[in-house]
Protein backbone atom coordinates (compact mmCIF):
# COMPACT_ATOMS: atom_id res chain seq x y z
CA MET A 1 37.01 -154.75 4.02
CA TYR A 2 39.74 -152.40 4.72
CA PRO A 3 42.26 -151.57 2.02
CA ASP A 4 45.51 -153.33 2.64
CA THR A 5 47.80 -150.52 4.04
CA THR A 6 51.06 -152.68 4.07
CA ASN A 7 51.11 -152.12 0.34
CA GLY A 8 49.59 -148.74 -0.08
CA LEU A 9 46.46 -147.89 -1.88
CA PRO A 10 44.13 -150.47 -3.03
CA ASP A 11 45.15 -151.83 -6.42
CA PRO A 12 42.52 -150.50 -9.06
CA ASP A 13 42.56 -153.70 -11.05
CA LEU A 14 42.33 -156.16 -7.99
CA GLN A 15 40.20 -153.75 -5.59
CA ALA A 16 38.42 -152.06 -8.39
CA GLY A 17 35.29 -151.93 -5.75
CA PHE A 18 37.33 -149.03 -3.91
CA TYR A 19 37.20 -146.76 -7.07
CA ALA A 20 33.65 -147.71 -8.51
CA GLY A 21 31.69 -144.31 -8.78
CA VAL A 22 34.26 -142.34 -6.93
CA THR A 23 34.94 -139.58 -9.48
CA SER A 24 30.81 -138.94 -9.79
CA LYS A 25 30.62 -139.04 -6.21
CA ARG A 26 33.53 -136.61 -5.83
CA LEU A 27 31.30 -134.19 -7.82
CA ILE A 28 28.38 -134.37 -5.74
CA ALA A 29 30.18 -133.96 -2.65
CA TRP A 30 32.17 -130.90 -4.10
CA ILE A 31 28.61 -129.41 -4.70
CA ILE A 32 27.34 -130.33 -1.25
CA ASP A 33 30.59 -128.86 0.11
CA LEU A 34 30.37 -125.57 -1.83
CA VAL A 35 27.14 -125.10 -0.25
CA LEU A 36 27.75 -125.48 3.04
CA THR A 37 30.97 -123.25 2.79
CA ALA A 38 28.59 -120.42 0.94
CA MET A 39 26.49 -120.98 3.90
CA ILE A 40 28.93 -120.68 6.77
CA THR A 41 30.32 -117.38 4.77
CA ALA A 42 26.98 -116.18 4.70
CA LEU A 43 26.43 -116.47 8.68
CA ILE A 44 29.99 -114.88 9.09
CA VAL A 45 28.89 -111.87 7.07
CA LEU A 46 25.57 -111.35 9.05
CA PHE A 47 27.45 -111.98 12.26
CA THR A 48 29.74 -108.95 10.84
CA ALA A 49 26.91 -106.65 10.47
CA PHE A 50 27.49 -107.05 6.66
CA VAL A 51 31.15 -105.85 7.00
CA GLY A 52 32.54 -109.21 5.49
CA LEU A 53 31.02 -108.17 2.13
CA PHE A 54 33.79 -105.95 1.85
CA PHE A 55 36.40 -108.98 1.55
CA LEU A 56 33.80 -111.40 0.43
CA PRO A 57 36.34 -113.36 -1.99
CA VAL A 58 38.93 -113.48 0.58
CA LEU A 59 36.40 -114.54 3.26
CA PHE A 60 34.64 -117.43 1.10
CA LEU A 61 38.30 -118.99 0.37
CA THR A 62 39.44 -118.65 3.83
CA VAL A 63 36.30 -120.27 5.33
CA GLY A 64 36.75 -122.85 2.55
CA PHE A 65 40.24 -123.60 3.37
CA VAL A 66 39.52 -123.94 7.15
CA TYR A 67 36.51 -126.25 6.42
CA ARG A 68 38.60 -128.70 4.29
CA VAL A 69 41.49 -128.70 6.29
CA VAL A 70 39.88 -129.30 9.76
CA SER A 71 37.49 -131.80 8.09
CA LEU A 72 40.21 -133.43 6.10
CA ALA A 73 42.25 -133.77 8.98
CA GLY A 74 39.44 -135.17 11.34
CA SER A 75 38.02 -138.03 9.13
CA SER A 76 39.95 -137.55 5.78
CA ALA A 77 36.78 -136.47 4.24
CA THR A 78 35.00 -133.72 4.29
CA PRO A 79 31.08 -133.29 5.18
CA GLY A 80 30.27 -133.80 1.45
CA MET A 81 32.43 -136.73 1.11
CA ARG A 82 31.01 -138.65 4.29
CA LEU A 83 27.58 -138.02 2.80
CA MET A 84 28.64 -139.75 -0.53
CA GLY A 85 30.40 -142.33 1.21
CA ILE A 86 33.82 -141.52 0.03
CA GLU A 87 37.26 -140.61 1.60
CA PHE A 88 40.89 -139.96 1.07
CA ARG A 89 43.83 -141.89 1.54
CA ASP A 90 47.62 -141.37 1.40
CA ARG A 91 50.06 -143.44 -0.64
CA PHE A 92 50.24 -145.71 2.11
CA GLY A 93 46.59 -146.33 2.65
CA HIS A 94 46.11 -144.23 5.78
CA ARG A 95 43.97 -141.49 6.55
CA PHE A 96 45.03 -138.07 6.43
CA ASP A 97 46.74 -136.21 9.21
CA LEU A 98 46.71 -132.37 9.48
CA ALA A 99 49.92 -131.74 7.51
CA LEU A 100 48.63 -133.55 4.54
CA ALA A 101 45.04 -132.23 4.88
CA ALA A 102 46.52 -128.68 4.74
CA LEU A 103 48.88 -129.72 1.68
CA HIS A 104 46.02 -131.33 -0.11
CA THR A 105 43.82 -128.27 0.45
CA LEU A 106 46.47 -126.15 -0.34
CA GLY A 107 46.96 -128.03 -3.83
CA TYR A 108 43.02 -128.18 -4.54
CA THR A 109 42.85 -124.16 -3.91
CA LEU A 110 45.73 -123.55 -6.40
CA SER A 111 44.27 -125.97 -8.75
CA ILE A 112 40.89 -124.30 -8.51
CA SER A 113 42.26 -120.62 -9.15
CA THR A 114 43.43 -121.73 -12.66
CA LEU A 115 40.99 -122.98 -15.11
CA ILE A 116 43.75 -124.73 -17.10
CA VAL A 117 45.15 -126.39 -14.12
CA GLN A 118 41.48 -127.38 -12.99
CA MET A 119 40.75 -128.80 -16.43
CA VAL A 120 43.79 -130.91 -16.28
CA SER A 121 42.56 -132.42 -13.04
CA VAL A 122 39.54 -132.94 -14.17
CA ILE A 123 40.61 -134.99 -17.22
CA LEU A 124 42.90 -136.80 -14.98
CA MET A 125 40.31 -137.61 -12.47
CA LEU A 126 38.41 -138.98 -15.66
CA THR A 127 40.93 -140.83 -17.14
CA SER A 128 43.24 -142.34 -14.35
CA SER A 129 43.03 -145.75 -13.08
CA ARG A 130 42.29 -144.48 -9.45
CA GLY A 131 40.45 -141.31 -10.30
CA GLN A 132 43.21 -139.01 -9.18
CA GLY A 133 43.35 -135.35 -9.73
CA LEU A 134 46.27 -133.20 -10.11
CA THR A 135 46.78 -132.63 -6.36
CA ASP A 136 46.04 -136.14 -5.63
CA ILE A 137 49.17 -137.39 -8.37
CA VAL A 138 51.53 -135.04 -6.83
CA LEU A 139 50.71 -135.90 -2.87
CA GLY A 140 50.22 -139.76 -3.78
CA THR A 141 46.56 -139.51 -2.43
CA ALA A 142 43.41 -141.27 -3.93
CA ALA A 143 39.89 -140.90 -2.96
CA ILE A 144 38.07 -144.21 -2.40
CA ASN A 145 34.64 -145.61 -1.61
CA SER A 146 34.44 -145.71 2.43
CA PRO A 147 35.57 -149.39 3.31
CA ALA A 148 32.74 -151.04 5.55
CA ALA A 149 33.72 -151.12 9.37
């Protein structure tokens, strides 16, 4: 069942199935994506004859940013999210486009760069009715269980 895109995101009370278990799935997806990003970064370091080690933090952040933007713009989910059966939707219930994928990734990147902001985001994910983090609330987005085709 697809969410009703005429009224925005699925209602967490009337359509709770879209949000069931999403927060824990996001955590597992995040770990999967972190491992994939680390593997891509390691390959780049190898192909640069280890020169990439001199700017490893910047390389890792850049790879992670591009990885998230490209995958979110393509299918509204990262590979880890697809494995976990979840995806993002905007405030209208639509999948992400390139601009929203870039904005969401920028918000995510800023969020993880500050411990306090990240903690607030995690607390919001655990307590909000739609499981939204800080970036999700600001952009009006939410992660939902992928609707059946």
